[in-house]
Protein backbone atom coordinates (compact mmCIF):
# COMPACT_ATOMS: atom_id res chain seq x y z
CA MET A 1 31.17 -9.66 27.59
CA ASN A 2 27.76 -9.39 28.45
CA TYR A 3 25.10 -7.04 27.09
CA SER A 4 23.92 -3.93 29.14
CA TRP A 5 20.15 -3.52 29.20
CA ASN A 6 18.91 -0.39 29.21
CA TRP A 7 15.02 -0.09 28.06
CA ALA A 8 14.79 3.35 29.38
CA VAL A 9 16.95 4.82 26.36
CA LEU A 10 13.74 4.65 24.66
CA PHE A 11 12.00 6.81 27.14
CA GLN A 12 14.76 9.39 27.14
CA GLU A 13 15.16 12.37 24.86
CA PRO A 14 16.08 12.63 21.66
CA TYR A 15 15.33 8.93 21.39
CA ARG A 16 11.76 8.65 22.11
CA GLY A 17 11.24 11.58 20.16
CA TRP A 18 12.69 9.95 17.21
CA LEU A 19 10.83 6.62 17.81
CA LEU A 20 7.79 8.91 17.70
CA THR A 21 8.42 10.73 14.78
CA GLY A 22 9.23 7.31 12.81
CA ILE A 23 5.91 5.79 13.77
CA GLY A 24 3.99 8.73 12.61
CA LEU A 25 6.11 8.77 9.25
CA THR A 26 5.41 4.82 8.82
CA LEU A 27 1.68 5.36 9.35
CA THR A 28 1.65 8.49 6.97
CA ILE A 29 3.71 6.76 4.26
CA SER A 30 1.46 3.34 4.51
CA ILE A 31 -1.96 4.92 4.70
CA VAL A 32 -1.66 7.41 1.72
CA ALA A 33 0.46 5.07 0.14
CA TRP A 34 -2.53 2.92 0.59
CA LEU A 35 -5.30 5.12 -0.36
CA VAL A 36 -3.22 5.27 -4.05
CA ALA A 37 -2.97 1.79 -4.49
CA LEU A 38 -6.66 1.52 -3.76
CA ILE A 39 -7.77 4.32 -6.30
CA ALA A 40 -5.32 3.64 -8.79
CA GLY A 41 -5.57 -0.59 -8.32
CA THR A 42 -9.41 -0.25 -8.56
CA VAL A 43 -9.37 1.93 -11.90
CA VAL A 44 -6.58 -0.60 -13.48
CA GLY A 45 -8.78 -3.60 -12.04
CA ILE A 46 -12.07 -2.02 -14.05
CA ALA A 47 -10.05 -1.32 -17.14
CA ALA A 48 -8.71 -5.18 -16.93
CA SER A 49 -12.27 -6.48 -16.98
CA LEU A 50 -13.29 -4.48 -20.11
CA PRO A 51 -14.04 -6.36 -23.25
CA ASN A 52 -11.67 -3.95 -25.16
CA ARG A 53 -8.45 -5.57 -26.15
CA ALA A 54 -6.12 -2.83 -26.03
CA ILE A 55 -7.44 -1.40 -22.94
CA ARG A 56 -6.89 -4.98 -21.48
CA SER A 57 -3.58 -5.22 -23.10
CA ALA A 58 -2.59 -1.68 -21.63
CA THR A 59 -3.50 -2.78 -17.98
CA ALA A 60 -1.55 -6.14 -18.67
CA VAL A 61 1.54 -4.39 -19.33
CA TYR A 62 1.02 -1.81 -16.07
CA ILE A 63 0.10 -4.87 -13.67
CA GLY A 64 3.33 -6.71 -15.31
CA GLY A 65 5.59 -3.91 -14.64
CA PHE A 66 4.84 -3.01 -11.17
CA ARG A 67 4.63 -6.60 -9.90
CA ASN A 68 7.47 -7.99 -11.41
CA VAL A 69 10.13 -5.45 -10.74
CA PRO A 70 11.40 -5.01 -7.15
CA LEU A 71 9.89 -2.39 -4.57
CA LEU A 72 13.70 -1.25 -3.96
CA LEU A 73 14.07 -1.11 -7.57
CA GLN A 74 11.24 1.19 -8.29
CA LEU A 75 12.07 3.22 -5.42
CA PHE A 76 15.62 4.04 -6.79
CA LEU A 77 14.16 4.72 -10.18
CA TRP A 78 11.58 6.95 -8.98
CA PHE A 79 14.06 8.86 -6.68
CA PHE A 80 17.33 9.11 -8.97
CA VAL A 81 16.05 8.45 -12.62
CA VAL A 82 12.50 9.80 -13.08
CA PRO A 83 13.57 13.65 -12.46
CA GLU A 84 16.76 13.19 -14.60
CA LEU A 85 14.22 12.17 -17.83
CA LEU A 86 11.60 14.93 -17.19
CA PRO A 87 11.98 18.39 -18.76
CA PRO A 88 14.74 20.43 -16.71
CA ALA A 89 12.19 22.71 -15.12
CA TRP A 90 10.00 19.66 -13.74
CA GLY A 91 13.14 17.56 -12.39
CA HIS A 92 14.91 20.38 -10.53
CA TRP A 93 11.20 20.98 -8.80
CA LEU A 94 11.33 17.37 -7.89
CA LYS A 95 14.66 17.44 -6.72
CA ARG A 96 15.11 20.78 -4.91
CA ASP A 97 11.80 22.93 -4.79
CA LEU A 98 9.30 19.89 -3.56
CA PRO A 99 9.44 20.02 0.46
CA PHE A 100 10.40 16.23 1.63
CA PRO A 101 10.90 14.89 -1.98
CA GLU A 102 11.82 11.18 -0.58
CA PHE A 103 8.41 11.36 1.51
CA TRP A 104 6.20 11.88 -1.59
CA THR A 105 8.57 9.69 -3.71
CA SER A 106 8.11 6.40 -1.07
CA ILE A 107 4.54 6.77 -1.19
CA VAL A 108 4.27 7.00 -5.17
CA ALA A 109 6.58 4.08 -5.15
CA LEU A 110 4.91 1.98 -2.65
CA GLY A 111 1.72 3.07 -3.97
CA LEU A 112 2.04 2.17 -7.57
CA PHE A 113 3.70 -1.14 -6.35
CA THR A 114 0.67 -2.10 -4.33
CA SER A 115 -1.95 -0.83 -6.99
CA ALA A 116 -0.80 -3.85 -9.38
CA ARG A 117 -1.63 -6.03 -6.69
CA VAL A 118 -5.07 -4.51 -5.77
CA ALA A 119 -6.09 -4.45 -9.63
CA VAL A 120 -5.37 -8.58 -10.01
CA GLN A 121 -7.74 -8.65 -6.84
CA VAL A 122 -10.27 -6.32 -8.33
CA THR A 123 -10.72 -8.05 -11.36
CA SER A 124 -10.94 -11.25 -9.81
CA GLY A 125 -13.80 -9.91 -7.59
CA ILE A 126 -15.51 -8.71 -10.71
CA SER A 127 -15.15 -11.75 -12.40
CA ALA A 128 -16.55 -13.53 -9.59
CA VAL A 129 -20.02 -11.49 -9.77
CA PRO A 130 -22.42 -14.33 -11.28
CA ARG A 131 -22.63 -13.24 -14.82
CA GLY A 132 -26.20 -13.32 -14.88
CA GLN A 133 -25.90 -9.82 -12.92
CA GLN A 134 -24.27 -7.82 -15.48
CA MET A 135 -26.74 -9.20 -18.27
CA ALA A 136 -29.89 -8.08 -16.08
CA ALA A 137 -28.17 -4.92 -15.20
CA THR A 138 -27.90 -4.42 -19.79
CA ALA A 139 -31.47 -5.55 -19.84
CA SER A 140 -32.50 -2.79 -17.44
CA GLY A 141 -30.86 -0.01 -19.30
CA MET A 142 -27.76 0.96 -17.33
CA ASN A 143 -24.85 2.08 -19.14
CA THR A 144 -21.22 0.72 -18.38
CA ALA A 145 -20.38 3.12 -15.87
CA GLN A 146 -23.47 2.57 -14.14
CA ILE A 147 -23.17 -1.53 -14.27
CA TYR A 148 -19.69 -1.13 -12.60
CA GLY A 149 -20.87 1.47 -10.22
CA LEU A 150 -23.67 0.09 -8.79
CA VAL A 151 -23.78 -3.43 -9.69
CA LEU A 152 -20.33 -4.96 -10.28
CA LEU A 153 -17.80 -2.93 -8.32
CA PRO A 154 -19.75 -3.01 -4.81
CA GLN A 155 -20.15 -6.67 -4.59
CA ALA A 156 -16.22 -7.33 -5.82
CA LEU A 157 -14.72 -5.09 -3.54
CA ARG A 158 -17.07 -7.17 -0.67
CA ILE A 159 -15.55 -10.52 -2.23
CA VAL A 160 -11.77 -9.91 -2.39
CA LEU A 161 -12.04 -7.79 1.14
CA PRO A 162 -9.77 -10.69 2.54
CA PRO A 163 -6.52 -10.39 0.04
CA LEU A 164 -6.94 -6.72 0.14
CA THR A 165 -6.38 -6.89 3.78
CA SER A 166 -3.02 -8.84 3.17
CA ASP A 167 -2.03 -6.34 0.71
CA PHE A 168 -2.97 -3.50 3.51
CA LEU A 169 -0.36 -5.32 6.13
CA THR A 170 2.43 -5.56 3.40
CA ILE A 171 2.07 -2.06 2.67
CA PHE A 172 3.04 -1.47 6.52
CA LYS A 173 5.89 -3.99 5.91
CA ASN A 174 7.18 -2.40 2.68
CA SER A 175 7.17 0.99 4.23
CA ALA A 176 10.50 0.15 5.68
CA LEU A 177 12.23 0.49 2.19
CA ALA A 178 11.94 3.63 2.26
CA LEU A 179 14.76 4.32 4.55
CA THR A 180 17.05 3.59 1.25
CA ILE A 181 16.06 6.96 -0.05
CA GLY A 182 16.56 8.76 3.45
CA VAL A 183 13.16 8.89 4.84
CA PHE A 184 13.16 8.25 8.52
CA GLU A 185 10.51 5.95 9.08
CA LEU A 186 10.19 3.35 12.03
CA THR A 187 12.96 1.09 11.19
CA ALA A 188 15.70 3.88 10.21
CA GLN A 189 14.88 5.55 13.57
CA SER A 190 15.58 2.46 14.98
CA ARG A 191 18.77 2.39 13.55
CA GLN A 192 19.81 5.43 14.49
CA ILE A 193 19.10 4.82 18.01
CA GLU A 194 21.45 2.26 17.94
CA SER A 195 23.83 3.94 16.18
CA TYR A 196 23.84 6.35 19.04
CA THR A 197 23.09 4.49 22.02
CA PHE A 198 24.34 0.70 21.14
CA GLN A 199 21.13 -0.55 22.56
CA GLY A 200 20.25 -2.17 19.30
CA PHE A 201 18.28 -4.89 20.85
CA GLU A 202 16.04 -2.05 22.55
CA ALA A 203 15.60 -0.31 19.60
CA PHE A 204 14.84 -2.84 17.27
CA THR A 205 12.51 -4.74 19.70
CA ALA A 206 10.56 -1.37 20.49
CA ALA A 207 9.93 -1.13 16.46
CA THR A 208 9.38 -4.85 16.06
CA LEU A 209 6.63 -4.39 18.65
CA VAL A 210 4.98 -1.64 16.78
CA TYR A 211 4.87 -3.30 13.82
CA LEU A 212 3.23 -6.54 15.17
CA VAL A 213 0.57 -3.76 17.16
CA ILE A 214 -0.12 -2.17 13.79
CA ALA A 215 -0.86 -5.68 11.84
CA LEU A 216 -2.92 -6.66 14.87
CA ILE A 217 -5.07 -3.58 14.79
CA VAL A 218 -5.64 -3.37 10.95
CA THR A 219 -6.24 -7.49 11.07
CA ALA A 220 -8.95 -6.64 13.87
CA LEU A 221 -10.51 -4.12 11.82
CA MET A 222 -10.73 -5.61 8.61
CA ARG A 223 -11.84 -8.61 10.11
CA GLY A 224 -14.72 -6.76 11.72
CA LEU A 225 -14.99 -4.89 7.74
CA GLU A 226 -15.29 -8.45 6.20
CA ARG A 227 -18.13 -9.52 8.89
CA ARG A 228 -20.60 -6.52 8.10
CA THR A 229 -19.93 -6.38 4.21
CA ALA A 230 -19.81 -10.22 3.38
CA LEU A 231 -22.29 -11.52 0.77
CA PRO A 232 -24.44 -14.36 2.28
CA THR A 233 -24.99 -15.78 -1.51
CA MET A 234 -20.81 -16.01 -1.92
CA ILE A 235 -18.87 -19.12 -0.92
CA GLY A 236 -17.07 -18.33 2.36
CA ALA A 237 -19.52 -15.52 3.46
CA ALA A 238 -20.32 -15.29 6.95
CA PRO A 239 -23.49 -16.52 7.98
């Protein structure tokens, strides 16, 4: 039996609205989760580079835990298990009173999962900064916070911008797993369109093209940022 193509279905209501809603949720979840990942990962990455052994051990546990547990399992743990482990009032608020709990759960899970990767990148970037700069900053009277905030971190983030770009792209793709806890992001909306119209090829082709466009836009923006912030003295920097 021949497949009956019908691209017009994507422009009909309510399917067009479903697709646009899915795109909006995918972008929102991914961008907010990336902000969580960048902030948490930077803090953990800085802590992992400190000389205190206890702090480094704690960061190793954090990074190892979030990196080595599959994201899908982490989504289930945050959504189904964590509320049951909290005090009853807190658990009830997370499950019943918090608006759209699956949306916020997906952001937390995706953000913390990615933060472990960001932390490793930040630590590597700090290690790549010539040690003489830290010694000079110490000799000039800077405290630890000033050394990291004014000397090490600005250079480290510029050094690791390419791998951070890869992590930023990955977070958009990983957001599709949010459908497993009931978030109707782009992939879930495509599945819903397919189930209502039986036009699966059109629905999933549209989703594929959207993900591709997002990836191309993010890559172009981050490549431009890399060129503008490259350190000429570092290997691989733009001339």
